[in-house]
Amino acid sequence: MPAEPRVWQRTDTVGTELVIPDGDNRVSGTAVVSGPKPYATRWQVWLSDDHAVRALEVVCEGHGWRRELRLSSDGCRTQATGDLDAPEPGLADPSRLAGAVIRLAASPVFLSWAMRALQLESGEKTAPTALVLTPSLTVVVGESRYQRLGDHRLRVSGDEPAATYDLDGDGMVTYQPGRLRGVR
């Protein structure tokens, strides 16, 4: 969990994410993304002591539409209003979440939590991963390979597009080429 608020700037489009620790293993975040169909995402997450995501609530909205998603060990609940040309939110079989690393795909802090939950200080691990895509809030479950490339680099591949990230000394994502950078 970040000890203080963190901010990331999108570099592939105009956008920013702010993450604020709320104490007691709860963290909230807000992202605004520009483009042809600008949208805002607000989320809250409850973490276990090892930084695994126990529960996630996400609201994503843009002009004329709104989507909500709640993931937890109790399953998946969704709500969608308006017209967004995208797959429906959630996933058809919530039992697929059992044992999966839960990540909000567009949020770099979730990668840092995944590394901590997997106890990935070096080497690599493959784990089932539930990616929540924005703005649709569709949940895609697959296998992800998390690979530490030294103290300050992470590579993620598998059933998602391969990407490499820079990390700070605390293991927080600070940079992804062509996608985002941390702001201090």
C-alpha atoms as a PDB file:
ATOM      1  CA  MET A   1       0.000   0.000   0.000  1.00  0.00           C
ATOM      2  CA  PRO A   2       1.455   3.417  -0.791  1.00  0.00           C
ATOM      3  CA  ALA A   3       2.325   5.241   2.431  1.00  0.00           C
ATOM      4  CA  GLU A   4       1.274   8.553   0.879  1.00  0.00           C
ATOM      5  CA  PRO A   5      -0.801   9.662  -2.118  1.00  0.00           C
ATOM      6  CA  ARG A   6       0.694   8.732  -5.498  1.00  0.00           C
ATOM      7  CA  VAL A   7       0.008  10.204  -8.945  1.00  0.00           C
ATOM      8  CA  TRP A   8       0.611   8.730 -12.399  1.00  0.00           C
ATOM      9  CA  GLN A   9       0.313  10.581 -15.697  1.00  0.00           C
ATOM     10  CA  ARG A  10      -0.788   8.758 -18.830  1.00  0.00           C
ATOM     11  CA  THR A  11       1.580   9.335 -21.740  1.00  0.00           C
ATOM     12  CA  ASP A  12      -0.432   7.481 -24.418  1.00  0.00           C
ATOM     13  CA  THR A  13      -3.338   9.933 -24.031  1.00  0.00           C
ATOM     14  CA  VAL A  14      -4.245  12.799 -21.716  1.00  0.00           C
ATOM     15  CA  GLY A  15      -5.003  11.273 -18.340  1.00  0.00           C
ATOM     16  CA  THR A  16      -4.046  11.121 -14.673  1.00  0.00           C
ATOM     17  CA  GLU A  17      -4.590   8.747 -11.763  1.00  0.00           C
ATOM     18  CA  LEU A  18      -4.474   9.703  -8.078  1.00  0.00           C
ATOM     19  CA  VAL A  19      -4.198   6.945  -5.438  1.00  0.00           C
ATOM     20  CA  ILE A  20      -4.854   7.735  -1.772  1.00  0.00           C
ATOM     21  CA  PRO A  21      -4.300   5.340   1.152  1.00  0.00           C
ATOM     22  CA  ASP A  22      -7.332   5.418   3.451  1.00  0.00           C
ATOM     23  CA  GLY A  23      -5.812   3.355   6.297  1.00  0.00           C
ATOM     24  CA  ASP A  24      -6.754  -0.103   7.582  1.00  0.00           C
ATOM     25  CA  ASN A  25      -5.698  -1.714   4.263  1.00  0.00           C
ATOM     26  CA  ARG A  26      -8.159   0.379   2.254  1.00  0.00           C
ATOM     27  CA  VAL A  27      -7.055   2.472  -0.720  1.00  0.00           C
ATOM     28  CA  SER A  28      -9.029   4.642  -3.143  1.00  0.00           C
ATOM     29  CA  GLY A  29      -8.185   5.982  -6.561  1.00  0.00           C
ATOM     30  CA  THR A  30      -9.530   8.281  -9.238  1.00  0.00           C
ATOM     31  CA  ALA A  31      -8.496   8.403 -12.885  1.00  0.00           C
ATOM     32  CA  VAL A  32      -9.598  10.729 -15.665  1.00  0.00           C
ATOM     33  CA  VAL A  33      -8.815   9.720 -19.244  1.00  0.00           C
ATOM     34  CA  SER A  34      -9.324  11.909 -22.310  1.00  0.00           C
ATOM     35  CA  GLY A  35      -9.725  10.891 -25.933  1.00  0.00           C
ATOM     36  CA  PRO A  36     -12.684  10.471 -28.294  1.00  0.00           C
ATOM     37  CA  LYS A  37     -14.825   9.152 -25.396  1.00  0.00           C
ATOM     38  CA  PRO A  38     -13.431  10.660 -22.181  1.00  0.00           C
ATOM     39  CA  TYR A  39     -14.304   8.915 -18.916  1.00  0.00           C
ATOM     40  CA  ALA A  40     -13.595   8.923 -15.193  1.00  0.00           C
ATOM     41  CA  THR A  41     -12.928   5.918 -13.001  1.00  0.00           C
ATOM     42  CA  ARG A  42     -13.295   5.873  -9.212  1.00  0.00           C
ATOM     43  CA  TRP A  43     -12.349   2.821  -7.187  1.00  0.00           C
ATOM     44  CA  GLN A  44     -11.862   1.506  -3.674  1.00  0.00           C
ATOM     45  CA  VAL A  45      -9.921  -1.595  -2.750  1.00  0.00           C
ATOM     46  CA  TRP A  46      -9.589  -3.584   0.450  1.00  0.00           C
ATOM     47  CA  LEU A  47      -6.272  -5.426   0.775  1.00  0.00           C
ATOM     48  CA  SER A  48      -5.240  -8.388   2.900  1.00  0.00           C
ATOM     49  CA  ASP A  49      -2.135  -8.024   5.063  1.00  0.00           C
ATOM     50  CA  ASP A  50      -0.032  -9.496   2.219  1.00  0.00           C
ATOM     51  CA  HIS A  51      -1.464  -6.908  -0.239  1.00  0.00           C
ATOM     52  CA  ALA A  52      -3.765  -9.296  -2.099  1.00  0.00           C
ATOM     53  CA  VAL A  53      -6.966  -7.582  -3.260  1.00  0.00           C
ATOM     54  CA  ARG A  54      -9.824  -8.922  -1.080  1.00  0.00           C
ATOM     55  CA  ALA A  55     -12.550  -6.673  -2.517  1.00  0.00           C
ATOM     56  CA  LEU A  56     -12.775  -4.062  -5.273  1.00  0.00           C
ATOM     57  CA  GLU A  57     -15.490  -1.544  -6.087  1.00  0.00           C
ATOM     58  CA  VAL A  58     -15.197   0.421  -9.340  1.00  0.00           C
ATOM     59  CA  VAL A  59     -17.398   3.069 -10.962  1.00  0.00           C
ATOM     60  CA  CYS A  60     -16.609   4.153 -14.513  1.00  0.00           C
ATOM     61  CA  GLU A  61     -18.622   6.843 -16.286  1.00  0.00           C
ATOM     62  CA  GLY A  62     -18.631   9.008 -19.341  1.00  0.00           C
ATOM     63  CA  HIS A  63     -21.104  11.076 -21.344  1.00  0.00           C
ATOM     64  CA  GLY A  64     -24.434   9.214 -21.316  1.00  0.00           C
ATOM     65  CA  TRP A  65     -23.266   6.017 -19.562  1.00  0.00           C
ATOM     66  CA  ARG A  66     -22.216   4.624 -16.182  1.00  0.00           C
ATOM     67  CA  ARG A  67     -20.933   1.217 -15.060  1.00  0.00           C
ATOM     68  CA  GLU A  68     -20.362  -0.237 -11.600  1.00  0.00           C
ATOM     69  CA  LEU A  69     -18.544  -3.391 -10.528  1.00  0.00           C
ATOM     70  CA  ARG A  70     -18.100  -5.029  -7.131  1.00  0.00           C
ATOM     71  CA  LEU A  71     -15.729  -8.003  -6.856  1.00  0.00           C
ATOM     72  CA  SER A  72     -15.134  -9.985  -3.667  1.00  0.00           C
ATOM     73  CA  SER A  73     -15.029 -13.518  -2.367  1.00  0.00           C
ATOM     74  CA  ASP A  74     -18.835 -13.324  -2.401  1.00  0.00           C
ATOM     75  CA  GLY A  75     -18.797 -12.971  -6.177  1.00  0.00           C
ATOM     76  CA  CYS A  76     -19.372 -10.237  -8.721  1.00  0.00           C
ATOM     77  CA  ARG A  77     -22.146  -7.641  -8.898  1.00  0.00           C
ATOM     78  CA  THR A  78     -22.557  -5.190 -11.758  1.00  0.00           C
ATOM     79  CA  GLN A  79     -24.781  -2.387 -12.907  1.00  0.00           C
ATOM     80  CA  ALA A  80     -24.779  -0.649 -16.279  1.00  0.00           C
ATOM     81  CA  THR A  81     -26.818   2.296 -17.498  1.00  0.00           C
ATOM     82  CA  GLY A  82     -26.661   4.244 -20.732  1.00  0.00           C
ATOM     83  CA  ASP A  83     -25.009   3.352 -24.001  1.00  0.00           C
ATOM     84  CA  LEU A  84     -21.339   2.321 -24.005  1.00  0.00           C
ATOM     85  CA  ASP A  85     -20.247   0.384 -27.080  1.00  0.00           C
ATOM     86  CA  ALA A  86     -18.305  -2.271 -25.123  1.00  0.00           C
ATOM     87  CA  PRO A  87     -18.767  -5.742 -23.644  1.00  0.00           C
ATOM     88  CA  GLU A  88     -20.913  -6.029 -20.522  1.00  0.00           C
ATOM     89  CA  PRO A  89     -19.255  -5.457 -17.128  1.00  0.00           C
ATOM     90  CA  GLY A  90     -18.253  -8.342 -14.862  1.00  0.00           C
ATOM     91  CA  LEU A  91     -17.741 -11.975 -15.816  1.00  0.00           C
ATOM     92  CA  ALA A  92     -20.082 -14.862 -16.489  1.00  0.00           C
ATOM     93  CA  ASP A  93     -18.550 -17.285 -13.960  1.00  0.00           C
ATOM     94  CA  PRO A  94     -17.472 -15.575 -10.684  1.00  0.00           C
ATOM     95  CA  SER A  95     -16.051 -18.885  -9.398  1.00  0.00           C
ATOM     96  CA  ARG A  96     -13.092 -18.202 -11.744  1.00  0.00           C
ATOM     97  CA  LEU A  97     -12.002 -15.454  -9.312  1.00  0.00           C
ATOM     98  CA  ALA A  98     -10.980 -18.035  -6.678  1.00  0.00           C
ATOM     99  CA  GLY A  99      -7.231 -17.754  -6.161  1.00  0.00           C
ATOM    100  CA  ALA A 100      -6.779 -15.109  -8.885  1.00  0.00           C
ATOM    101  CA  VAL A 101      -4.700 -11.972  -8.538  1.00  0.00           C
ATOM    102  CA  ILE A 102      -7.209  -9.141  -9.055  1.00  0.00           C
ATOM    103  CA  ARG A 103      -5.959  -6.102 -10.975  1.00  0.00           C
ATOM    104  CA  LEU A 104      -7.537  -2.978 -12.383  1.00  0.00           C
ATOM    105  CA  ALA A 105      -5.794  -3.160 -15.759  1.00  0.00           C
ATOM    106  CA  ALA A 106      -5.188   0.561 -16.250  1.00  0.00           C
ATOM    107  CA  SER A 107      -3.889   1.207 -12.703  1.00  0.00           C
ATOM    108  CA  PRO A 108      -0.156   0.721 -12.025  1.00  0.00           C
ATOM    109  CA  VAL A 109      -0.531   0.392  -8.240  1.00  0.00           C
ATOM    110  CA  PHE A 110      -2.339  -2.941  -8.738  1.00  0.00           C
ATOM    111  CA  LEU A 111       0.851  -4.375 -10.290  1.00  0.00           C
ATOM    112  CA  SER A 112       2.817  -3.442  -7.180  1.00  0.00           C
ATOM    113  CA  TRP A 113       0.212  -5.164  -4.996  1.00  0.00           C
ATOM    114  CA  ALA A 114       0.314  -8.245  -7.236  1.00  0.00           C
ATOM    115  CA  MET A 115       4.102  -8.531  -6.792  1.00  0.00           C
ATOM    116  CA  ARG A 116       3.751  -8.253  -3.013  1.00  0.00           C
ATOM    117  CA  ALA A 117       0.879 -10.750  -2.827  1.00  0.00           C
ATOM    118  CA  LEU A 118       2.921 -13.214  -4.925  1.00  0.00           C
ATOM    119  CA  GLN A 119       6.038 -12.504  -2.801  1.00  0.00           C
ATOM    120  CA  LEU A 120       7.924 -11.785  -6.009  1.00  0.00           C
ATOM    121  CA  GLU A 121      11.238 -10.255  -4.961  1.00  0.00           C
ATOM    122  CA  SER A 122      13.220 -11.962  -7.728  1.00  0.00           C
ATOM    123  CA  GLY A 123      12.701 -14.542 -10.444  1.00  0.00           C
ATOM    124  CA  GLU A 124       9.248 -15.155 -11.877  1.00  0.00           C
ATOM    125  CA  LYS A 125       5.835 -16.553 -11.020  1.00  0.00           C
ATOM    126  CA  THR A 126       2.831 -17.447 -13.107  1.00  0.00           C
ATOM    127  CA  ALA A 127      -0.566 -16.896 -11.504  1.00  0.00           C
ATOM    128  CA  PRO A 128      -4.226 -16.772 -12.483  1.00  0.00           C
ATOM    129  CA  THR A 129      -5.116 -13.110 -12.916  1.00  0.00           C
ATOM    130  CA  ALA A 130      -8.456 -11.331 -13.125  1.00  0.00           C
ATOM    131  CA  LEU A 131      -8.017  -8.106 -15.115  1.00  0.00           C
ATOM    132  CA  VAL A 132     -10.753  -5.492 -14.830  1.00  0.00           C
ATOM    133  CA  LEU A 133     -10.720  -3.577 -18.125  1.00  0.00           C
ATOM    134  CA  THR A 134     -11.658   0.090 -18.304  1.00  0.00           C
ATOM    135  CA  PRO A 135     -13.955   1.651 -19.283  1.00  0.00           C
ATOM    136  CA  SER A 136     -16.085  -1.486 -19.859  1.00  0.00           C
ATOM    137  CA  LEU A 137     -15.388  -3.042 -16.405  1.00  0.00           C
ATOM    138  CA  THR A 138     -15.364  -6.410 -18.134  1.00  0.00           C
ATOM    139  CA  VAL A 139     -13.347  -8.946 -16.109  1.00  0.00           C
ATOM    140  CA  VAL A 140     -10.970 -11.147 -18.098  1.00  0.00           C
ATOM    141  CA  VAL A 141      -9.477 -14.136 -16.257  1.00  0.00           C
ATOM    142  CA  GLY A 142      -6.283 -15.744 -17.572  1.00  0.00           C
ATOM    143  CA  GLU A 143      -2.704 -16.609 -16.662  1.00  0.00           C
ATOM    144  CA  SER A 144      -0.133 -13.865 -16.155  1.00  0.00           C
ATOM    145  CA  ARG A 145       3.607 -14.292 -15.872  1.00  0.00           C
ATOM    146  CA  TYR A 146       5.227 -11.822 -13.478  1.00  0.00           C
ATOM    147  CA  GLN A 147       9.012 -11.608 -13.925  1.00  0.00           C
ATOM    148  CA  ARG A 148      11.436  -9.438 -11.941  1.00  0.00           C
ATOM    149  CA  LEU A 149      14.249  -8.213 -14.171  1.00  0.00           C
ATOM    150  CA  GLY A 150      16.442  -6.942 -11.354  1.00  0.00           C
ATOM    151  CA  ASP A 151      15.486  -4.696  -8.440  1.00  0.00           C
ATOM    152  CA  HIS A 152      13.885  -1.985 -10.561  1.00  0.00           C
ATOM    153  CA  ARG A 153      12.177  -3.745 -13.501  1.00  0.00           C
ATOM    154  CA  LEU A 154       9.098  -5.918 -13.894  1.00  0.00           C
ATOM    155  CA  ARG A 155       7.876  -7.723 -16.992  1.00  0.00           C
ATOM    156  CA  VAL A 156       4.311  -8.999 -17.224  1.00  0.00           C
ATOM    157  CA  SER A 157       3.185 -11.330 -20.009  1.00  0.00           C
ATOM    158  CA  GLY A 158       0.974 -14.349 -20.549  1.00  0.00           C
ATOM    159  CA  ASP A 159      -2.684 -13.993 -21.521  1.00  0.00           C
ATOM    160  CA  GLU A 160      -2.282 -10.204 -21.623  1.00  0.00           C
ATOM    161  CA  PRO A 161      -0.076  -7.997 -23.805  1.00  0.00           C
ATOM    162  CA  ALA A 162       3.541  -8.166 -22.630  1.00  0.00           C
ATOM    163  CA  ALA A 163       4.771  -4.997 -20.922  1.00  0.00           C
ATOM    164  CA  THR A 164       7.824  -3.882 -18.964  1.00  0.00           C
ATOM    165  CA  TYR A 165       7.674  -1.481 -16.007  1.00  0.00           C
ATOM    166  CA  ASP A 166      10.241   0.482 -13.992  1.00  0.00           C
ATOM    167  CA  LEU A 167       9.963   0.221 -10.203  1.00  0.00           C
ATOM    168  CA  ASP A 168      11.173   2.415  -7.360  1.00  0.00           C
ATOM    169  CA  GLY A 169      12.958   1.095  -4.259  1.00  0.00           C
ATOM    170  CA  ASP A 170       9.611   0.223  -2.644  1.00  0.00           C
ATOM    171  CA  GLY A 171       8.488  -1.842  -5.649  1.00  0.00           C
ATOM    172  CA  MET A 172       5.967   0.756  -6.851  1.00  0.00           C
ATOM    173  CA  VAL A 173       5.564   1.146 -10.618  1.00  0.00           C
ATOM    174  CA  THR A 174       7.081   4.443 -11.777  1.00  0.00           C
ATOM    175  CA  TYR A 175       7.178   4.132 -15.553  1.00  0.00           C
ATOM    176  CA  GLN A 176       5.866   2.121 -18.507  1.00  0.00           C
ATOM    177  CA  PRO A 177       7.292   3.210 -21.873  1.00  0.00           C
ATOM    178  CA  GLY A 178       4.654   4.820 -24.079  1.00  0.00           C
ATOM    179  CA  ARG A 179       1.928   4.410 -21.428  1.00  0.00           C
ATOM    180  CA  LEU A 180       2.512   6.098 -18.033  1.00  0.00           C
ATOM    181  CA  ARG A 181       4.946   7.714 -15.648  1.00  0.00           C
ATOM    182  CA  GLY A 182       4.863   8.468 -11.955  1.00  0.00           C
ATOM    183  CA  VAL A 183       4.626  12.131 -10.965  1.00  0.00           C
ATOM    184  CA  ARG A 184       6.194  13.524  -7.822  1.00  0.00           C
END
